[in-house]
Amino acid sequence: MLRALHGRLLSTEFFQHHWKAILLLMFMILIYITNRYNAQTSIEILEGLKEEYIITHTEFVKERGLYMSNTRETAMQHLVDSLHLNLHIQNQPPYKLSSK
């Protein structure tokens, strides 16, 4: 107790007798810090990849819908042409007539 009050708790003798344990403890602390940093970095990378995946998947669904729509339209146009119905795709969208 008296040694602690005079600031001699960790003397050179303590370090001389326990240098292996202190070195091992420091090494373990450095490994812990390194592993924690690597884990946090990996988590940030995974979150970024998740966001990129969501964006890419959304674009995929949109493009697939457009492709399916175009495929159906082309198939119908071939069917109409083969039956010689003389129907064509309109260039203008339909408009509503109003009665006054």
C-alpha atoms as a PDB file:
ATOM      1  CA  MET A   1       0.000   0.000   0.000  1.00  0.00           C
ATOM      2  CA  LEU A   2       2.798   2.374   0.901  1.00  0.00           C
ATOM      3  CA  ARG A   3       4.597   1.612  -2.380  1.00  0.00           C
ATOM      4  CA  ALA A   4       1.449   2.560  -4.353  1.00  0.00           C
ATOM      5  CA  LEU A   5       1.232   5.888  -2.573  1.00  0.00           C
ATOM      6  CA  HIS A   6       4.832   6.710  -3.520  1.00  0.00           C
ATOM      7  CA  GLY A   7       4.325   5.694  -7.155  1.00  0.00           C
ATOM      8  CA  ARG A   8       6.427   2.547  -6.994  1.00  0.00           C
ATOM      9  CA  LEU A   9       3.674   0.025  -7.781  1.00  0.00           C
ATOM     10  CA  LEU A  10       5.123  -0.805 -11.208  1.00  0.00           C
ATOM     11  CA  SER A  11       8.846  -0.762 -10.647  1.00  0.00           C
ATOM     12  CA  THR A  12      11.596  -1.952 -12.944  1.00  0.00           C
ATOM     13  CA  GLU A  13      11.772  -5.141 -10.912  1.00  0.00           C
ATOM     14  CA  PHE A  14       8.124  -5.878 -11.780  1.00  0.00           C
ATOM     15  CA  PHE A  15       8.876  -5.486 -15.505  1.00  0.00           C
ATOM     16  CA  GLN A  16      12.044  -7.607 -15.221  1.00  0.00           C
ATOM     17  CA  HIS A  17      10.188 -10.470 -13.590  1.00  0.00           C
ATOM     18  CA  HIS A  18       7.025 -10.340 -15.780  1.00  0.00           C
ATOM     19  CA  TRP A  19       8.315  -9.179 -19.168  1.00  0.00           C
ATOM     20  CA  LYS A  20       7.081 -12.316 -20.964  1.00  0.00           C
ATOM     21  CA  ALA A  21       3.535 -11.943 -19.636  1.00  0.00           C
ATOM     22  CA  ILE A  22       3.511  -8.213 -20.451  1.00  0.00           C
ATOM     23  CA  LEU A  23       4.780  -8.875 -23.983  1.00  0.00           C
ATOM     24  CA  LEU A  24       2.159 -11.585 -24.475  1.00  0.00           C
ATOM     25  CA  LEU A  25      -0.581  -9.281 -23.176  1.00  0.00           C
ATOM     26  CA  MET A  26       0.486  -6.472 -25.528  1.00  0.00           C
ATOM     27  CA  PHE A  27       0.570  -8.900 -28.458  1.00  0.00           C
ATOM     28  CA  MET A  28      -2.940 -10.147 -27.655  1.00  0.00           C
ATOM     29  CA  ILE A  29      -4.248  -6.581 -27.402  1.00  0.00           C
ATOM     30  CA  LEU A  30      -2.774  -5.742 -30.820  1.00  0.00           C
ATOM     31  CA  ILE A  31      -4.359  -8.845 -32.345  1.00  0.00           C
ATOM     32  CA  TYR A  32      -7.730  -7.900 -30.814  1.00  0.00           C
ATOM     33  CA  ILE A  33      -7.542  -4.367 -32.242  1.00  0.00           C
ATOM     34  CA  THR A  34      -6.556  -5.703 -35.675  1.00  0.00           C
ATOM     35  CA  ASN A  35      -9.393  -8.236 -35.746  1.00  0.00           C
ATOM     36  CA  ARG A  36     -11.949  -5.652 -34.677  1.00  0.00           C
ATOM     37  CA  TYR A  37     -10.784  -3.224 -37.382  1.00  0.00           C
ATOM     38  CA  ASN A  38     -10.936  -5.945 -40.054  1.00  0.00           C
ATOM     39  CA  ALA A  39     -14.426  -6.968 -38.935  1.00  0.00           C
ATOM     40  CA  GLN A  40     -15.737  -3.385 -39.079  1.00  0.00           C
ATOM     41  CA  THR A  41     -14.189  -2.873 -42.509  1.00  0.00           C
ATOM     42  CA  SER A  42     -15.770  -6.096 -43.776  1.00  0.00           C
ATOM     43  CA  ILE A  43     -19.173  -5.086 -42.412  1.00  0.00           C
ATOM     44  CA  GLU A  44     -18.975  -1.726 -44.214  1.00  0.00           C
ATOM     45  CA  ILE A  45     -18.019  -3.464 -47.456  1.00  0.00           C
ATOM     46  CA  LEU A  46     -20.939  -5.898 -47.082  1.00  0.00           C
ATOM     47  CA  GLU A  47     -23.414  -3.072 -46.476  1.00  0.00           C
ATOM     48  CA  GLY A  48     -22.185  -1.309 -49.602  1.00  0.00           C
ATOM     49  CA  LEU A  49     -22.525  -4.508 -51.610  1.00  0.00           C
ATOM     50  CA  LYS A  50     -26.051  -5.047 -50.292  1.00  0.00           C
ATOM     51  CA  GLU A  51     -27.078  -1.582 -51.487  1.00  0.00           C
ATOM     52  CA  GLU A  52     -25.431  -2.206 -54.869  1.00  0.00           C
ATOM     53  CA  TYR A  53     -27.237  -5.562 -55.132  1.00  0.00           C
ATOM     54  CA  ILE A  54     -30.607  -3.958 -54.405  1.00  0.00           C
ATOM     55  CA  ILE A  55     -30.029  -1.333 -57.099  1.00  0.00           C
ATOM     56  CA  THR A  56     -28.854  -3.935 -59.619  1.00  0.00           C
ATOM     57  CA  HIS A  57     -31.774  -6.243 -58.845  1.00  0.00           C
ATOM     58  CA  THR A  58     -34.240  -3.383 -59.306  1.00  0.00           C
ATOM     59  CA  GLU A  59     -32.705  -2.534 -62.687  1.00  0.00           C
ATOM     60  CA  PHE A  60     -32.855  -6.224 -63.642  1.00  0.00           C
ATOM     61  CA  VAL A  61     -36.564  -6.463 -62.835  1.00  0.00           C
ATOM     62  CA  LYS A  62     -37.255  -3.270 -64.797  1.00  0.00           C
ATOM     63  CA  GLU A  63     -35.325  -4.463 -67.868  1.00  0.00           C
ATOM     64  CA  ARG A  64     -36.930  -7.899 -67.677  1.00  0.00           C
ATOM     65  CA  GLY A  65     -40.369  -6.307 -67.646  1.00  0.00           C
ATOM     66  CA  LEU A  66     -39.518  -4.210 -70.702  1.00  0.00           C
ATOM     67  CA  TYR A  67     -38.144  -7.266 -72.498  1.00  0.00           C
ATOM     68  CA  MET A  68     -41.221  -9.336 -71.716  1.00  0.00           C
ATOM     69  CA  SER A  69     -43.465  -6.508 -72.881  1.00  0.00           C
ATOM     70  CA  ASN A  70     -41.549  -6.167 -76.146  1.00  0.00           C
ATOM     71  CA  THR A  71     -41.599  -9.926 -76.680  1.00  0.00           C
ATOM     72  CA  ARG A  72     -45.365 -10.116 -76.245  1.00  0.00           C
ATOM     73  CA  GLU A  73     -45.882  -7.116 -78.530  1.00  0.00           C
ATOM     74  CA  THR A  74     -43.661  -8.617 -81.232  1.00  0.00           C
ATOM     75  CA  ALA A  75     -45.392 -11.989 -80.999  1.00  0.00           C
ATOM     76  CA  MET A  76     -48.817 -10.344 -81.307  1.00  0.00           C
ATOM     77  CA  GLN A  77     -47.655  -8.271 -84.279  1.00  0.00           C
ATOM     78  CA  HIS A  78     -46.428 -11.439 -86.039  1.00  0.00           C
ATOM     79  CA  LEU A  79     -49.765 -13.143 -85.331  1.00  0.00           C
ATOM     80  CA  VAL A  80     -51.733 -10.168 -86.718  1.00  0.00           C
ATOM     81  CA  ASP A  81     -49.484 -10.041 -89.793  1.00  0.00           C
ATOM     82  CA  SER A  82     -49.864 -13.781 -90.430  1.00  0.00           C
ATOM     83  CA  LEU A  83     -53.679 -13.486 -90.274  1.00  0.00           C
ATOM     84  CA  HIS A  84     -53.631 -10.492 -92.666  1.00  0.00           C
ATOM     85  CA  LEU A  85     -55.891  -8.369 -90.455  1.00  0.00           C
ATOM     86  CA  ASN A  86     -54.306  -5.126 -91.680  1.00  0.00           C
ATOM     87  CA  LEU A  87     -53.856  -3.769 -88.139  1.00  0.00           C
ATOM     88  CA  HIS A  88     -50.920  -1.543 -87.165  1.00  0.00           C
ATOM     89  CA  ILE A  89     -49.460  -0.054 -83.999  1.00  0.00           C
ATOM     90  CA  GLN A  90     -50.602   3.513 -83.435  1.00  0.00           C
ATOM     91  CA  ASN A  91     -47.984   6.259 -83.431  1.00  0.00           C
ATOM     92  CA  GLN A  92     -50.055   8.486 -81.161  1.00  0.00           C
ATOM     93  CA  PRO A  93     -51.517   7.539 -77.812  1.00  0.00           C
ATOM     94  CA  PRO A  94     -55.316   7.359 -77.576  1.00  0.00           C
ATOM     95  CA  TYR A  95     -57.173  10.478 -76.572  1.00  0.00           C
ATOM     96  CA  LYS A  96     -60.487  10.993 -74.851  1.00  0.00           C
ATOM     97  CA  LEU A  97     -63.371  12.737 -76.597  1.00  0.00           C
ATOM     98  CA  SER A  98     -65.389  15.027 -74.435  1.00  0.00           C
ATOM     99  CA  SER A  99     -69.048  15.851 -75.002  1.00  0.00           C
ATOM    100  CA  LYS A 100     -70.197  19.383 -74.291  1.00  0.00           C
END
